[in-house]
C-alpha atoms as a PDB file:
ATOM      1  CA  MET A   1      97.018  95.193  79.998  1.00  0.00           C
ATOM      2  CA  ALA A   2      99.549  96.856  77.732  1.00  0.00           C
ATOM      3  CA  ALA A   3     101.277  99.960  78.988  1.00  0.00           C
ATOM      4  CA  GLU A   4     102.210 103.043  77.032  1.00  0.00           C
ATOM      5  CA  THR A   5     105.498 104.872  77.356  1.00  0.00           C
ATOM      6  CA  GLN A   6     104.749 107.995  79.372  1.00  0.00           C
ATOM      7  CA  THR A   7     106.455 110.875  81.063  1.00  0.00           C
ATOM      8  CA  ASP A   8     103.134 112.531  81.781  1.00  0.00           C
ATOM      9  CA  GLY A   9      99.714 112.715  80.237  1.00  0.00           C
ATOM     10  CA  ASP A  10      98.801 114.740  77.205  1.00  0.00           C
ATOM     11  CA  ALA A  11      95.320 116.088  76.667  1.00  0.00           C
ATOM     12  CA  ASP A  12      93.577 118.557  74.392  1.00  0.00           C
ATOM     13  CA  GLY A  13      91.882 121.592  75.871  1.00  0.00           C
ATOM     14  CA  ALA A  14      92.512 123.715  78.949  1.00  0.00           C
ATOM     15  CA  SER A  15      94.965 122.549  81.594  1.00  0.00           C
ATOM     16  CA  GLU A  16      96.652 123.842  84.726  1.00  0.00           C
ATOM     17  CA  SER A  17     100.113 123.372  86.161  1.00  0.00           C
ATOM     18  CA  LEU A  18      99.418 121.632  89.463  1.00  0.00           C
ATOM     19  CA  THR A  19     101.295 119.933  92.255  1.00  0.00           C
ATOM     20  CA  LEU A  20     100.304 116.398  93.179  1.00  0.00           C
ATOM     21  CA  VAL A  21      98.256 117.500  96.189  1.00  0.00           C
ATOM     22  CA  GLN A  22      96.505 120.135  94.080  1.00  0.00           C
ATOM     23  CA  ALA A  23      95.670 117.389  91.570  1.00  0.00           C
ATOM     24  CA  VAL A  24      94.030 115.428  94.402  1.00  0.00           C
ATOM     25  CA  ARG A  25      91.852 118.398  95.234  1.00  0.00           C
ATOM     26  CA  ASP A  26      91.066 118.997  91.560  1.00  0.00           C
ATOM     27  CA  GLY A  27      90.061 115.360  91.095  1.00  0.00           C
ATOM     28  CA  LEU A  28      87.786 115.485  94.136  1.00  0.00           C
ATOM     29  CA  HIS A  29      86.223 118.755  93.016  1.00  0.00           C
ATOM     30  CA  THR A  30      85.595 117.518  89.473  1.00  0.00           C
ATOM     31  CA  GLU A  31      83.876 114.342  90.642  1.00  0.00           C
ATOM     32  CA  MET A  32      81.855 116.092  93.347  1.00  0.00           C
ATOM     33  CA  GLU A  33      80.636 118.567  90.760  1.00  0.00           C
ATOM     34  CA  ARG A  34      79.740 115.752  88.346  1.00  0.00           C
ATOM     35  CA  ASP A  35      78.085 113.363  90.811  1.00  0.00           C
ATOM     36  CA  ASP A  36      76.062 114.446  93.846  1.00  0.00           C
ATOM     37  CA  ASP A  37      76.600 111.005  95.430  1.00  0.00           C
ATOM     38  CA  VAL A  38      80.326 111.713  95.935  1.00  0.00           C
ATOM     39  CA  VAL A  39      81.026 112.870  99.499  1.00  0.00           C
ATOM     40  CA  VAL A  40      84.292 113.587 101.280  1.00  0.00           C
ATOM     41  CA  MET A  41      84.700 112.729 104.947  1.00  0.00           C
ATOM     42  CA  GLY A  42      87.426 112.516 107.567  1.00  0.00           C
ATOM     43  CA  GLU A  43      89.238 114.304 110.356  1.00  0.00           C
ATOM     44  CA  ASP A  44      89.597 118.038 109.635  1.00  0.00           C
ATOM     45  CA  VAL A  45      88.758 117.679 105.934  1.00  0.00           C
ATOM     46  CA  GLY A  46      86.011 120.313 106.106  1.00  0.00           C
ATOM     47  CA  LYS A  47      86.614 123.794 107.477  1.00  0.00           C
ATOM     48  CA  ASN A  48      90.337 123.128 107.920  1.00  0.00           C
ATOM     49  CA  GLY A  49      90.847 121.661 104.442  1.00  0.00           C
ATOM     50  CA  GLY A  50      92.737 118.578 105.628  1.00  0.00           C
ATOM     51  CA  VAL A  51      96.110 118.192 107.292  1.00  0.00           C
ATOM     52  CA  PHE A  52      97.847 118.645 103.896  1.00  0.00           C
ATOM     53  CA  ARG A  53      95.133 120.983 102.525  1.00  0.00           C
ATOM     54  CA  ALA A  54      94.049 118.400  99.955  1.00  0.00           C
ATOM     55  CA  THR A  55      90.379 119.269 100.524  1.00  0.00           C
ATOM     56  CA  GLU A  56      90.828 123.012 100.897  1.00  0.00           C
ATOM     57  CA  GLY A  57      87.829 124.997  99.673  1.00  0.00           C
ATOM     58  CA  LEU A  58      85.545 122.007  99.149  1.00  0.00           C
ATOM     59  CA  TYR A  59      83.592 122.674 102.357  1.00  0.00           C
ATOM     60  CA  ASP A  60      82.799 126.238 101.286  1.00  0.00           C
ATOM     61  CA  GLU A  61      81.641 125.099  97.856  1.00  0.00           C
ATOM     62  CA  PHE A  62      79.750 121.900  98.621  1.00  0.00           C
ATOM     63  CA  GLY A  63      78.693 122.371 102.227  1.00  0.00           C
ATOM     64  CA  GLU A  64      78.755 120.328 105.407  1.00  0.00           C
ATOM     65  CA  ASN A  65      76.534 117.534 104.057  1.00  0.00           C
ATOM     66  CA  ARG A  66      79.074 116.590 101.370  1.00  0.00           C
ATOM     67  CA  VAL A  67      82.342 117.535 103.101  1.00  0.00           C
ATOM     68  CA  ILE A  68      81.962 115.973 106.509  1.00  0.00           C
ATOM     69  CA  ASP A  69      84.232 116.564 109.489  1.00  0.00           C
ATOM     70  CA  THR A  70      84.275 113.376 111.542  1.00  0.00           C
ATOM     71  CA  PRO A  71      85.411 112.405 115.026  1.00  0.00           C
ATOM     72  CA  LEU A  72      88.933 111.079 115.456  1.00  0.00           C
ATOM     73  CA  ALA A  73      87.906 107.447 114.975  1.00  0.00           C
ATOM     74  CA  GLU A  74      89.238 105.687 111.874  1.00  0.00           C
ATOM     75  CA  SER A  75      87.106 102.576 112.361  1.00  0.00           C
ATOM     76  CA  GLY A  76      84.011 104.746 112.599  1.00  0.00           C
ATOM     77  CA  ILE A  77      84.958 106.784 109.544  1.00  0.00           C
ATOM     78  CA  VAL A  78      85.456 103.728 107.343  1.00  0.00           C
ATOM     79  CA  GLY A  79      82.504 101.829 108.821  1.00  0.00           C
ATOM     80  CA  THR A  80      80.191 104.736 108.123  1.00  0.00           C
ATOM     81  CA  ALA A  81      81.539 105.035 104.593  1.00  0.00           C
ATOM     82  CA  ILE A  82      80.882 101.327 103.957  1.00  0.00           C
ATOM     83  CA  GLY A  83      77.240 101.767 104.906  1.00  0.00           C
ATOM     84  CA  MET A  84      76.948 104.826 102.675  1.00  0.00           C
ATOM     85  CA  ALA A  85      78.570 102.980  99.755  1.00  0.00           C
ATOM     86  CA  ALA A  86      76.337  99.929 100.158  1.00  0.00           C
ATOM     87  CA  TYR A  87      73.280 102.123  99.693  1.00  0.00           C
ATOM     88  CA  GLY A  88      74.398 103.939  96.577  1.00  0.00           C
ATOM     89  CA  MET A  89      76.658 106.800  97.625  1.00  0.00           C
ATOM     90  CA  ARG A  90      80.321 107.159  96.694  1.00  0.00           C
ATOM     91  CA  PRO A  91      82.146 108.239  99.854  1.00  0.00           C
ATOM     92  CA  VAL A  92      85.798 109.264  99.848  1.00  0.00           C
ATOM     93  CA  PRO A  93      87.023 108.963 103.449  1.00  0.00           C
ATOM     94  CA  GLU A  94      90.459 110.318 104.291  1.00  0.00           C
ATOM     95  CA  MET A  95      92.923 108.819 106.752  1.00  0.00           C
ATOM     96  CA  GLN A  96      95.271 111.573 107.873  1.00  0.00           C
ATOM     97  CA  PHE A  97      98.242 109.204 107.489  1.00  0.00           C
ATOM     98  CA  LEU A  98      98.519 105.591 106.372  1.00  0.00           C
ATOM     99  CA  GLY A  99     100.029 104.778 109.775  1.00  0.00           C
ATOM    100  CA  PHE A 100      96.705 105.744 111.374  1.00  0.00           C
ATOM    101  CA  ILE A 101      94.655 103.323 109.263  1.00  0.00           C
ATOM    102  CA  TYR A 102      95.132 100.230 111.420  1.00  0.00           C
ATOM    103  CA  PRO A 103      92.097 100.810 113.695  1.00  0.00           C
ATOM    104  CA  ALA A 104      90.057 100.619 110.470  1.00  0.00           C
ATOM    105  CA  PHE A 105      91.844  97.512 109.150  1.00  0.00           C
ATOM    106  CA  ASP A 106      89.027  95.202 110.251  1.00  0.00           C
ATOM    107  CA  GLN A 107      86.402  97.345 108.548  1.00  0.00           C
ATOM    108  CA  ILE A 108      88.446  97.442 105.326  1.00  0.00           C
ATOM    109  CA  VAL A 109      89.397  93.775 104.989  1.00  0.00           C
ATOM    110  CA  SER A 110      86.449  92.094 106.744  1.00  0.00           C
ATOM    111  CA  HIS A 111      83.658  94.223 105.327  1.00  0.00           C
ATOM    112  CA  ALA A 112      84.533  96.622 102.484  1.00  0.00           C
ATOM    113  CA  ALA A 113      86.657  94.126 100.551  1.00  0.00           C
ATOM    114  CA  ARG A 114      84.152  91.275 101.030  1.00  0.00           C
ATOM    115  CA  LEU A 115      80.802  92.989 100.617  1.00  0.00           C
ATOM    116  CA  ARG A 116      80.320  92.014  96.971  1.00  0.00           C
ATOM    117  CA  THR A 117      81.207  88.366  97.649  1.00  0.00           C
ATOM    118  CA  ARG A 118      79.291  88.101 100.913  1.00  0.00           C
ATOM    119  CA  SER A 119      76.116  89.504  99.354  1.00  0.00           C
ATOM    120  CA  ARG A 120      76.560  87.456  96.145  1.00  0.00           C
ATOM    121  CA  GLY A 121      76.679  90.644  94.117  1.00  0.00           C
ATOM    122  CA  ARG A 122      73.604  92.253  95.638  1.00  0.00           C
ATOM    123  CA  TYR A 123      75.756  95.000  97.127  1.00  0.00           C
ATOM    124  CA  THR A 124      78.993  96.596  96.025  1.00  0.00           C
ATOM    125  CA  CYS A 125      81.164  98.995  97.972  1.00  0.00           C
ATOM    126  CA  PRO A 126      82.116 101.951  95.747  1.00  0.00           C
ATOM    127  CA  MET A 127      84.327 103.901  98.111  1.00  0.00           C
ATOM    128  CA  VAL A 128      87.830 105.368  97.961  1.00  0.00           C
ATOM    129  CA  ILE A 129      89.957 105.498 101.095  1.00  0.00           C
ATOM    130  CA  ARG A 130      92.591 108.207 100.655  1.00  0.00           C
ATOM    131  CA  ALA A 131      95.740 108.178 102.768  1.00  0.00           C
ATOM    132  CA  PRO A 132      99.000 110.141 102.565  1.00  0.00           C
ATOM    133  CA  TYR A 133     101.833 107.667 103.019  1.00  0.00           C
ATOM    134  CA  GLY A 134     105.591 107.230 102.983  1.00  0.00           C
ATOM    135  CA  GLY A 135     108.589 108.984 104.467  1.00  0.00           C
ATOM    136  CA  GLY A 136     110.872 111.864 103.679  1.00  0.00           C
ATOM    137  CA  ILE A 137     109.095 114.757 105.414  1.00  0.00           C
ATOM    138  CA  ARG A 138     110.752 114.450 108.840  1.00  0.00           C
ATOM    139  CA  ALA A 139     107.676 113.133 110.631  1.00  0.00           C
ATOM    140  CA  PRO A 140     107.477 110.427 113.345  1.00  0.00           C
ATOM    141  CA  GLU A 141     107.242 106.760 112.334  1.00  0.00           C
ATOM    142  CA  HIS A 142     103.440 106.459 112.391  1.00  0.00           C
ATOM    143  CA  HIS A 143     103.315 109.332 109.916  1.00  0.00           C
ATOM    144  CA  SER A 144     105.862 107.779 107.539  1.00  0.00           C
ATOM    145  CA  GLU A 145     104.961 104.127 107.044  1.00  0.00           C
ATOM    146  CA  SER A 146     104.708 102.364 103.710  1.00  0.00           C
ATOM    147  CA  SER A 147     102.524  99.342 104.448  1.00  0.00           C
ATOM    148  CA  GLU A 148     100.842  98.930 101.069  1.00  0.00           C
ATOM    149  CA  ALA A 149     101.678  95.198 100.911  1.00  0.00           C
ATOM    150  CA  MET A 150      99.238  94.488 103.756  1.00  0.00           C
ATOM    151  CA  PHE A 151      96.373  95.740 101.636  1.00  0.00           C
ATOM    152  CA  VAL A 152      97.507  94.271  98.328  1.00  0.00           C
ATOM    153  CA  HIS A 153      97.157  90.884 100.045  1.00  0.00           C
ATOM    154  CA  GLN A 154      93.399  91.419 100.502  1.00  0.00           C
ATOM    155  CA  PRO A 155      91.166  90.109  97.678  1.00  0.00           C
ATOM    156  CA  GLY A 156      88.389  92.508  96.724  1.00  0.00           C
ATOM    157  CA  LEU A 157      90.420  95.643  97.443  1.00  0.00           C
ATOM    158  CA  LYS A 158      92.231  97.693  94.805  1.00  0.00           C
ATOM    159  CA  VAL A 159      95.403  99.599  95.740  1.00  0.00           C
ATOM    160  CA  VAL A 160      96.497 102.619  93.699  1.00  0.00           C
ATOM    161  CA  ILE A 161      99.564 104.863  94.066  1.00  0.00           C
ATOM    162  CA  PRO A 162     100.151 107.794  91.663  1.00  0.00           C
ATOM    163  CA  SER A 163     103.494 109.445  90.974  1.00  0.00           C
ATOM    164  CA  THR A 164     102.557 112.463  88.817  1.00  0.00           C
ATOM    165  CA  PRO A 165      99.890 115.165  89.059  1.00  0.00           C
ATOM    166  CA  TYR A 166      98.312 114.022  85.770  1.00  0.00           C
ATOM    167  CA  ASP A 167      98.014 110.430  86.945  1.00  0.00           C
ATOM    168  CA  THR A 168      96.769 111.555  90.349  1.00  0.00           C
ATOM    169  CA  LYS A 169      93.644 113.217  89.002  1.00  0.00           C
ATOM    170  CA  GLY A 170      93.006 110.519  86.389  1.00  0.00           C
ATOM    171  CA  LEU A 171      93.529 107.597  88.746  1.00  0.00           C
ATOM    172  CA  LEU A 172      91.450 109.228  91.489  1.00  0.00           C
ATOM    173  CA  THR A 173      88.625 109.753  89.007  1.00  0.00           C
ATOM    174  CA  SER A 174      88.767 106.093  87.976  1.00  0.00           C
ATOM    175  CA  ALA A 175      88.867 105.014  91.619  1.00  0.00           C
ATOM    176  CA  ILE A 176      85.809 107.067  92.560  1.00  0.00           C
ATOM    177  CA  ARG A 177      83.862 105.649  89.621  1.00  0.00           C
ATOM    178  CA  ASP A 178      84.926 102.065  90.343  1.00  0.00           C
ATOM    179  CA  PRO A 179      82.203  99.816  91.788  1.00  0.00           C
ATOM    180  CA  ASP A 180      84.527  98.301  94.392  1.00  0.00           C
ATOM    181  CA  PRO A 181      86.632  99.697  97.254  1.00  0.00           C
ATOM    182  CA  VAL A 182      89.927 101.361  96.404  1.00  0.00           C
ATOM    183  CA  LEU A 183      92.774 102.325  98.731  1.00  0.00           C
ATOM    184  CA  PHE A 184      94.300 105.431  97.150  1.00  0.00           C
ATOM    185  CA  LEU A 185      97.741 106.105  98.618  1.00  0.00           C
ATOM    186  CA  GLU A 186      99.271 109.529  98.054  1.00  0.00           C
ATOM    187  CA  PRO A 187     103.081 109.819  98.392  1.00  0.00           C
ATOM    188  CA  LYS A 188     103.324 112.920 100.528  1.00  0.00           C
ATOM    189  CA  LEU A 189     107.069 113.324  99.904  1.00  0.00           C
ATOM    190  CA  ILE A 190     106.156 114.561  96.427  1.00  0.00           C
ATOM    191  CA  TYR A 191     102.908 116.354  97.324  1.00  0.00           C
ATOM    192  CA  ARG A 192     104.528 119.704  96.446  1.00  0.00           C
ATOM    193  CA  ALA A 193     107.857 118.615  94.962  1.00  0.00           C
ATOM    194  CA  PHE A 194     107.051 119.471  91.331  1.00  0.00           C
ATOM    195  CA  ARG A 195     104.260 120.481  88.999  1.00  0.00           C
ATOM    196  CA  GLY A 196     102.707 118.947  85.914  1.00  0.00           C
ATOM    197  CA  ASP A 197     100.040 119.798  83.387  1.00  0.00           C
ATOM    198  CA  VAL A 198      96.621 118.547  84.478  1.00  0.00           C
ATOM    199  CA  PRO A 199      93.561 118.909  82.207  1.00  0.00           C
ATOM    200  CA  SER A 200      90.776 120.998  83.681  1.00  0.00           C
ATOM    201  CA  GLU A 201      88.182 118.621  82.274  1.00  0.00           C
ATOM    202  CA  SER A 202      87.324 115.236  83.730  1.00  0.00           C
ATOM    203  CA  TYR A 203      89.384 112.273  82.501  1.00  0.00           C
ATOM    204  CA  GLU A 204      90.302 108.783  83.647  1.00  0.00           C
ATOM    205  CA  VAL A 205      93.600 106.914  83.891  1.00  0.00           C
ATOM    206  CA  PRO A 206      92.637 103.216  83.900  1.00  0.00           C
ATOM    207  CA  LEU A 207      93.301 101.179  87.007  1.00  0.00           C
ATOM    208  CA  GLY A 208      95.495  98.131  86.485  1.00  0.00           C
ATOM    209  CA  GLU A 209      97.781  99.647  83.835  1.00  0.00           C
ATOM    210  CA  ALA A 210     101.451 100.402  84.434  1.00  0.00           C
ATOM    211  CA  ALA A 211     103.323 103.194  82.643  1.00  0.00           C
ATOM    212  CA  VAL A 212     106.729 102.842  80.997  1.00  0.00           C
ATOM    213  CA  ARG A 213     108.437 106.007  82.203  1.00  0.00           C
ATOM    214  CA  ARG A 214     111.749 105.293  80.495  1.00  0.00           C
ATOM    215  CA  GLU A 215     112.460 102.748  77.778  1.00  0.00           C
ATOM    216  CA  GLY A 216     115.605 100.623  77.997  1.00  0.00           C
ATOM    217  CA  SER A 217     117.124  97.348  76.894  1.00  0.00           C
ATOM    218  CA  ASP A 218     119.510  96.185  79.651  1.00  0.00           C
ATOM    219  CA  ILE A 219     117.339  95.882  82.782  1.00  0.00           C
ATOM    220  CA  SER A 220     113.728  96.414  83.853  1.00  0.00           C
ATOM    221  CA  VAL A 221     113.276  98.484  87.016  1.00  0.00           C
ATOM    222  CA  TYR A 222     109.852  98.413  88.670  1.00  0.00           C
ATOM    223  CA  THR A 223     108.729 101.076  91.106  1.00  0.00           C
ATOM    224  CA  TRP A 224     105.847 103.344  92.132  1.00  0.00           C
ATOM    225  CA  GLY A 225     104.942 106.485  94.042  1.00  0.00           C
ATOM    226  CA  ALA A 226     107.688 108.700  95.413  1.00  0.00           C
ATOM    227  CA  MET A 227     110.391 106.238  94.339  1.00  0.00           C
ATOM    228  CA  THR A 228     109.635 106.804  90.658  1.00  0.00           C
ATOM    229  CA  ARG A 229     111.600 110.047  90.321  1.00  0.00           C
ATOM    230  CA  PRO A 230     114.824 108.859  92.038  1.00  0.00           C
ATOM    231  CA  THR A 231     114.612 105.664  89.976  1.00  0.00           C
ATOM    232  CA  ILE A 232     114.406 107.633  86.737  1.00  0.00           C
ATOM    233  CA  GLU A 233     117.272 109.829  87.937  1.00  0.00           C
ATOM    234  CA  ALA A 234     119.371 106.733  88.669  1.00  0.00           C
ATOM    235  CA  ALA A 235     118.558 105.312  85.238  1.00  0.00           C
ATOM    236  CA  ASP A 236     119.576 108.554  83.544  1.00  0.00           C
ATOM    237  CA  ASN A 237     122.844 108.609  85.491  1.00  0.00           C
ATOM    238  CA  LEU A 238     123.625 105.009  84.551  1.00  0.00           C
ATOM    239  CA  ALA A 239     123.041 105.775  80.876  1.00  0.00           C
ATOM    240  CA  GLU A 240     126.318 107.690  81.003  1.00  0.00           C
ATOM    241  CA  GLU A 241     127.991 104.380  81.923  1.00  0.00           C
ATOM    242  CA  GLY A 242     126.319 102.551  79.060  1.00  0.00           C
ATOM    243  CA  ILE A 243     123.601 100.874  81.158  1.00  0.00           C
ATOM    244  CA  ASP A 244     120.195 101.286  79.517  1.00  0.00           C
ATOM    245  CA  ALA A 245     117.492 100.815  82.163  1.00  0.00           C
ATOM    246  CA  GLU A 246     113.772 100.609  81.493  1.00  0.00           C
ATOM    247  CA  VAL A 247     111.684 102.158  84.285  1.00  0.00           C
ATOM    248  CA  ILE A 248     108.159 100.858  84.893  1.00  0.00           C
ATOM    249  CA  ASP A 249     105.850 102.886  87.151  1.00  0.00           C
ATOM    250  CA  LEU A 250     103.273 100.328  88.307  1.00  0.00           C
ATOM    251  CA  ARG A 251     100.684 102.938  89.408  1.00  0.00           C
ATOM    252  CA  THR A 252      98.236 100.210  90.488  1.00  0.00           C
ATOM    253  CA  LEU A 253      99.559  97.571  92.898  1.00  0.00           C
ATOM    254  CA  SER A 254      96.327  95.597  92.991  1.00  0.00           C
ATOM    255  CA  PRO A 255      95.555  94.488  90.386  1.00  0.00           C
ATOM    256  CA  LEU A 256      99.134  94.312  89.127  1.00  0.00           C
ATOM    257  CA  ASP A 257      99.763  94.857  85.432  1.00  0.00           C
ATOM    258  CA  GLU A 258     101.518  91.510  85.031  1.00  0.00           C
ATOM    259  CA  ASP A 259     101.585  91.752  81.235  1.00  0.00           C
ATOM    260  CA  THR A 260     103.730  94.884  81.270  1.00  0.00           C
ATOM    261  CA  ILE A 261     105.935  93.513  84.058  1.00  0.00           C
ATOM    262  CA  VAL A 262     106.635  90.266  82.190  1.00  0.00           C
ATOM    263  CA  ASP A 263     106.899  91.768  78.691  1.00  0.00           C
ATOM    264  CA  SER A 264     109.534  94.248  79.825  1.00  0.00           C
ATOM    265  CA  PHE A 265     111.511  91.521  81.577  1.00  0.00           C
ATOM    266  CA  LYS A 266     111.435  89.276  78.509  1.00  0.00           C
ATOM    267  CA  LYS A 267     113.069  92.127  76.614  1.00  0.00           C
ATOM    268  CA  THR A 268     115.829  92.815  79.142  1.00  0.00           C
ATOM    269  CA  GLY A 269     116.408  89.551  81.052  1.00  0.00           C
ATOM    270  CA  ARG A 270     117.312  91.444  84.229  1.00  0.00           C
ATOM    271  CA  ALA A 271     115.224  93.204  86.841  1.00  0.00           C
ATOM    272  CA  ALA A 272     115.274  95.350  89.966  1.00  0.00           C
ATOM    273  CA  VAL A 273     112.420  96.503  92.187  1.00  0.00           C
ATOM    274  CA  VAL A 274     112.580  99.767  94.104  1.00  0.00           C
ATOM    275  CA  HIS A 275     110.237 100.498  97.015  1.00  0.00           C
ATOM    276  CA  GLU A 276     110.540 102.300 100.325  1.00  0.00           C
ATOM    277  CA  ALA A 277     108.628  99.704 102.321  1.00  0.00           C
ATOM    278  CA  PRO A 278     110.606  97.095 104.281  1.00  0.00           C
ATOM    279  CA  LYS A 279     112.117  94.352 102.146  1.00  0.00           C
ATOM    280  CA  THR A 280     110.568  91.289 103.786  1.00  0.00           C
ATOM    281  CA  GLY A 281     107.085  90.585 102.477  1.00  0.00           C
ATOM    282  CA  GLY A 282     107.095  93.682 100.291  1.00  0.00           C
ATOM    283  CA  LEU A 283     105.789  93.968  96.733  1.00  0.00           C
ATOM    284  CA  GLY A 284     109.296  93.330  95.454  1.00  0.00           C
ATOM    285  CA  ALA A 285     108.905  89.697  96.495  1.00  0.00           C
ATOM    286  CA  GLU A 286     105.604  89.361  94.625  1.00  0.00           C
ATOM    287  CA  ILE A 287     107.071  90.878  91.469  1.00  0.00           C
ATOM    288  CA  THR A 288     110.087  88.581  91.733  1.00  0.00           C
ATOM    289  CA  ALA A 289     107.814  85.551  92.098  1.00  0.00           C
ATOM    290  CA  THR A 290     105.751  86.659  89.107  1.00  0.00           C
ATOM    291  CA  LEU A 291     108.878  86.870  86.953  1.00  0.00           C
ATOM    292  CA  GLN A 292     109.988  83.444  88.137  1.00  0.00           C
ATOM    293  CA  GLU A 293     106.621  81.901  87.329  1.00  0.00           C
ATOM    294  CA  GLU A 294     106.004  83.619  83.995  1.00  0.00           C
ATOM    295  CA  ALA A 295     109.469  84.166  82.537  1.00  0.00           C
ATOM    296  CA  LEU A 296     111.884  81.722  84.168  1.00  0.00           C
ATOM    297  CA  LEU A 297     113.835  80.988  80.991  1.00  0.00           C
ATOM    298  CA  TYR A 298     114.537  84.684  80.382  1.00  0.00           C
ATOM    299  CA  HIS A 299     116.496  85.217  83.623  1.00  0.00           C
ATOM    300  CA  GLU A 300     120.075  86.419  83.171  1.00  0.00           C
ATOM    301  CA  ALA A 301     120.579  87.392  86.836  1.00  0.00           C
ATOM    302  CA  PRO A 302     118.823  87.340  90.207  1.00  0.00           C
ATOM    303  CA  VAL A 303     116.228  90.073  90.713  1.00  0.00           C
ATOM    304  CA  GLU A 304     117.573  92.896  92.863  1.00  0.00           C
ATOM    305  CA  ARG A 305     115.360  94.390  95.582  1.00  0.00           C
ATOM    306  CA  ILE A 306     116.309  97.954  96.505  1.00  0.00           C
ATOM    307  CA  THR A 307     114.111  98.806  99.450  1.00  0.00           C
ATOM    308  CA  GLY A 308     113.690 100.211 102.900  1.00  0.00           C
ATOM    309  CA  PHE A 309     115.018  98.147 105.782  1.00  0.00           C
ATOM    310  CA  ASP A 310     113.282  95.626 108.030  1.00  0.00           C
ATOM    311  CA  THR A 311     112.953  98.096 110.875  1.00  0.00           C
ATOM    312  CA  PRO A 312     110.349 100.582 112.035  1.00  0.00           C
ATOM    313  CA  PHE A 313     110.658 103.801 110.069  1.00  0.00           C
ATOM    314  CA  PRO A 314     113.541 105.718 111.685  1.00  0.00           C
ATOM    315  CA  LEU A 315     113.538 109.189 113.120  1.00  0.00           C
ATOM    316  CA  TYR A 316     115.128 112.209 111.488  1.00  0.00           C
ATOM    317  CA  ALA A 317     118.825 111.401 111.547  1.00  0.00           C
ATOM    318  CA  LEU A 318     118.479 108.124 109.624  1.00  0.00           C
ATOM    319  CA  GLU A 319     115.500 108.959 107.412  1.00  0.00           C
ATOM    320  CA  ASP A 320     117.540 109.763 104.299  1.00  0.00           C
ATOM    321  CA  TYR A 321     119.589 106.603 104.782  1.00  0.00           C
ATOM    322  CA  TYR A 322     116.453 104.468 105.039  1.00  0.00           C
ATOM    323  CA  LEU A 323     114.839 105.666 101.821  1.00  0.00           C
ATOM    324  CA  PRO A 324     116.266 104.383  98.523  1.00  0.00           C
ATOM    325  CA  GLU A 325     117.955 107.293  96.793  1.00  0.00           C
ATOM    326  CA  PRO A 326     119.635 107.461  93.367  1.00  0.00           C
ATOM    327  CA  ALA A 327     123.088 106.292  94.485  1.00  0.00           C
ATOM    328  CA  ARG A 328     121.725 103.180  96.223  1.00  0.00           C
ATOM    329  CA  ILE A 329     119.398 102.470  93.302  1.00  0.00           C
ATOM    330  CA  GLU A 330     122.320 102.774  90.901  1.00  0.00           C
ATOM    331  CA  ASP A 331     124.350 100.270  92.953  1.00  0.00           C
ATOM    332  CA  GLY A 332     121.524  97.734  92.850  1.00  0.00           C
ATOM    333  CA  ILE A 333     121.071  98.096  89.118  1.00  0.00           C
ATOM    334  CA  ARG A 334     124.814  97.712  88.560  1.00  0.00           C
ATOM    335  CA  ASP A 335     124.778  94.481  90.611  1.00  0.00           C
ATOM    336  CA  ALA A 336     122.008  93.024  88.459  1.00  0.00           C
ATOM    337  CA  VAL A 337     123.572  94.079  85.168  1.00  0.00           C
ATOM    338  CA  GLY A 338     127.064  92.948  86.195  1.00  0.00           C
ATOM    339  CA  PHE A 339     126.032  89.499  87.490  1.00  0.00           C
END
């Protein structure tokens, strides 16, 4: 699908200036108000409003039958949601952190992602699994992981990661309305880092479409989630050196917007991928392979991968060193442009 150049969404009518986590809550509220089949469930999502307060106030408005506090059992949460989805509801279970999702991995990949195929289309699984993910908030390693590549590898499962408040509400709306399971990863580093205009009305941002956050002609830089802002900052800094970088925010990792990825690369001939997950087996490798397969004759340099390291997520002292930040991103872009 073709992408549009965007810094944020524009919409007619009333809007609010919201943080990313407030946009999550607004998206949930809007869809719960529109569709009685939408239910929220998870550990502490009800009376407590969630560990990051993403569901704050929903329990008081919609009640215990639609905002359901569950036991601390991720496999049970997701398994219950699958059954609800198969019979016509649209559950939105929350994992408190992506690093806690592994007990539910079997339910997600063996059942949710395969239900449509296994039942030959008789059943679908319209559910959205929300999970805060990524580092930068000084939390232990299980609270800071970026393991999105594991889930992108699973056919039948969509993986979505927003980077702005506008996209958060629009993508979450699209995910809830989608007939198949969606893993909706929320970069908690930027939960409250900035605000953006978010329409009060319901709207959708289509799944599977990247956004061109910054146009450029010298190199294409692909990123998503919390790495989008430092990547744009690096690109702006490099413009002072005469390097014109195009920044693509993928937004949806599965399905990938291969058209936008390849079209941008054909224009620039050079590429870098920025993600905070470990380098080996990360999405950077898949994007690199896609460019090799679809645009081999346009290559002017090897694709640079600017990523986290192949280690468990470190504790506090090394956290800033682990995450790609503008200076390291700039170095990688310079290497690709100067090859």
